[in-house]
C-alpha cells in the first residue's frame, strides 16, 4: 500500500438532498427550522433551507474512513469553520491536502475544505488521522 506524503491531495464530489437532511435531523434531534421549513428559512438571510453544518462536513469522515486513506483510519481530531451556507441539490467538491506527516507515529494532518462549483470555500478545517500503513 502506497504511503501518503506531504502535498498529496484527494477530491470527492458531493451532493446533499432534502431527504438526507431530514434523516440527519431525525437521527440527531437537530430539527431547527432553518434546515427543514422552507417558509421559515425564507425569512432568514439565507432565503432557503441550509444543510446542517455537521452533516455537510460528514463527507470528511466518509472519505477518511472509506476512500483516502481508507479503511483502517482512526479519526483523531477535527477542527473546522463554517464560512458559508450549504444548500441541497447543488454540486460541491470536498478537497483534501496533506500538510503534515509523522511517519514514526503513523499520523497525518489533512487540510479539509468543502467548496462550491465556483471554488468558494464553505467549510474549512484540519483533521489529524492515524493510519498504520498509509502514514
Protein backbone atom coordinates (compact mmCIF):
# COMPACT_ATOMS: atom_id res chain seq x y z
CA UNK A 1 0.00 0.00 0.00
CA UNK A 2 1.41 3.38 -1.04
CA UNK A 3 2.39 5.84 1.69
CA UNK A 4 0.65 9.21 1.80
CA UNK A 5 3.06 12.14 1.96
CA UNK A 6 3.03 15.91 2.44
CA UNK A 7 1.48 17.63 -0.58
CA UNK A 8 -0.70 14.67 -1.63
CA UNK A 9 -4.27 15.65 -2.49
CA UNK A 10 -7.63 13.99 -2.95
CA UNK A 11 -11.03 15.30 -4.11
CA UNK A 12 -14.53 13.87 -3.77
CA UNK A 13 -17.73 15.24 -5.36
CA UNK A 14 -20.73 15.50 -3.04
CA UNK A 15 -24.41 16.47 -3.25
CA UNK A 16 -26.94 16.74 -0.43
CA UNK A 17 -30.68 16.03 -0.73
CA UNK A 18 -33.51 17.39 1.40
CA UNK A 19 -34.46 13.81 2.26
CA UNK A 20 -30.94 13.23 3.65
CA UNK A 21 -31.15 16.49 5.62
CA UNK A 22 -34.47 15.36 7.12
CA UNK A 23 -32.97 11.97 8.02
CA UNK A 24 -29.99 13.69 9.68
CA UNK A 25 -32.41 15.89 11.66
CA UNK A 26 -34.31 12.83 12.89
CA UNK A 27 -31.13 10.96 13.83
CA UNK A 28 -29.51 13.87 15.67
CA UNK A 29 -32.63 15.59 17.00
CA UNK A 30 -31.49 18.88 15.42
CA UNK A 31 -34.82 19.91 13.93
CA UNK A 32 -34.00 23.61 13.67
CA UNK A 33 -36.46 25.02 11.09
CA UNK A 34 -33.57 26.66 9.20
CA UNK A 35 -32.93 23.14 7.85
CA UNK A 36 -36.47 21.82 7.45
CA UNK A 37 -39.03 24.60 6.95
CA UNK A 38 -38.80 26.46 3.63
CA UNK A 39 -41.26 29.17 4.76
CA UNK A 40 -39.24 29.84 7.90
CA UNK A 41 -35.91 29.67 6.06
CA UNK A 42 -37.21 32.24 3.54
CA UNK A 43 -37.28 34.79 6.40
CA UNK A 44 -33.57 34.25 7.19
CA UNK A 45 -30.54 35.80 5.50
CA UNK A 46 -30.10 32.53 3.56
CA UNK A 47 -33.55 32.73 1.93
CA UNK A 48 -33.99 28.96 1.85
CA UNK A 49 -33.15 25.91 3.98
CA UNK A 50 -29.50 25.13 4.63
CA UNK A 51 -27.78 21.80 5.22
CA UNK A 52 -26.70 21.14 8.81
CA UNK A 53 -23.02 22.06 9.12
CA UNK A 54 -22.05 18.75 10.66
CA UNK A 55 -23.96 16.83 8.01
CA UNK A 56 -22.22 18.80 5.25
CA UNK A 57 -18.86 18.12 6.90
CA UNK A 58 -19.61 14.40 7.33
CA UNK A 59 -18.13 13.90 3.86
CA UNK A 60 -14.74 14.32 5.56
CA UNK A 61 -15.41 11.27 7.75
CA UNK A 62 -16.69 9.26 4.79
CA UNK A 63 -13.60 9.99 2.71
CA UNK A 64 -11.15 9.28 5.53
CA UNK A 65 -12.80 6.02 6.55
CA UNK A 66 -13.61 4.62 3.14
CA UNK A 67 -11.53 6.20 0.37
CA UNK A 68 -8.44 8.15 1.45
CA UNK A 69 -6.54 6.96 3.43
CA UNK A 70 -9.38 4.42 3.67
CA UNK A 71 -10.29 1.51 5.90
CA UNK A 72 -8.10 1.31 8.98
CA UNK A 73 -8.12 5.08 9.51
CA UNK A 74 -8.53 6.32 13.07
CA UNK A 75 -10.02 9.84 13.03
CA UNK A 76 -8.29 11.58 15.95
CA UNK A 77 -9.18 15.26 15.66
CA UNK A 78 -11.15 17.70 13.53
CA UNK A 79 -11.11 21.50 13.62
CA UNK A 80 -13.39 23.35 11.24
CA UNK A 81 -15.07 26.63 10.48
CA UNK A 82 -18.39 27.07 8.69
CA UNK A 83 -17.84 30.03 6.36
CA UNK A 84 -20.90 29.98 4.11
CA UNK A 85 -24.16 28.02 3.79
CA UNK A 86 -24.52 24.70 2.02
CA UNK A 87 -27.78 24.11 0.14
CA UNK A 88 -29.47 20.92 -1.05
CA UNK A 89 -29.39 19.82 -4.68
CA UNK A 90 -26.16 21.67 -5.52
CA UNK A 91 -22.88 20.06 -6.53
CA UNK A 92 -19.92 20.51 -4.18
CA UNK A 93 -16.34 19.28 -4.01
CA UNK A 94 -14.61 18.08 -0.85
CA UNK A 95 -10.87 18.69 -1.14
CA UNK A 96 -8.07 17.30 0.98
CA UNK A 97 -4.36 18.09 1.19
CA UNK A 98 -1.74 16.51 3.44
CA UNK A 99 0.08 19.25 5.33
CA UNK A 100 1.99 17.20 7.90
CA UNK A 101 3.11 13.59 8.32
CA UNK A 102 4.68 11.88 11.34
CA UNK A 103 5.85 8.52 9.98
CA UNK A 104 7.08 7.35 13.39
CA UNK A 105 3.60 7.71 14.90
CA UNK A 106 1.77 6.91 11.61
CA UNK A 107 -0.14 10.20 11.74
CA UNK A 108 -1.09 12.78 9.17
CA UNK A 109 -2.65 16.22 9.32
CA UNK A 110 -5.03 16.90 6.46
CA UNK A 111 -6.43 20.26 5.33
CA UNK A 112 -10.12 19.72 4.50
CA UNK A 113 -12.41 22.03 2.54
CA UNK A 114 -15.87 21.88 1.07
CA UNK A 115 -16.19 24.11 -1.98
CA UNK A 116 -19.00 25.14 -4.31
CA UNK A 117 -18.75 24.96 -8.11
CA UNK A 118 -17.23 28.47 -8.20
CA UNK A 119 -14.43 27.42 -5.83
CA UNK A 120 -15.77 29.33 -2.82
CA UNK A 121 -14.77 27.65 0.44
CA UNK A 122 -17.85 26.88 2.53
CA UNK A 123 -16.23 24.73 5.23
CA UNK A 124 -12.55 24.67 6.07
CA UNK A 125 -10.54 22.83 8.67
CA UNK A 126 -7.86 20.36 9.58
CA UNK A 127 -8.03 16.73 10.64
CA UNK A 128 -5.48 14.52 12.35
CA UNK A 129 -5.56 10.88 11.31
CA UNK A 130 -3.81 7.69 12.33
CA UNK A 131 -3.22 5.01 9.73
CA UNK A 132 -0.50 2.44 10.38
CA UNK A 133 0.01 1.55 6.72
CA UNK A 134 -0.56 4.86 4.90
CA UNK A 135 1.43 7.34 7.06
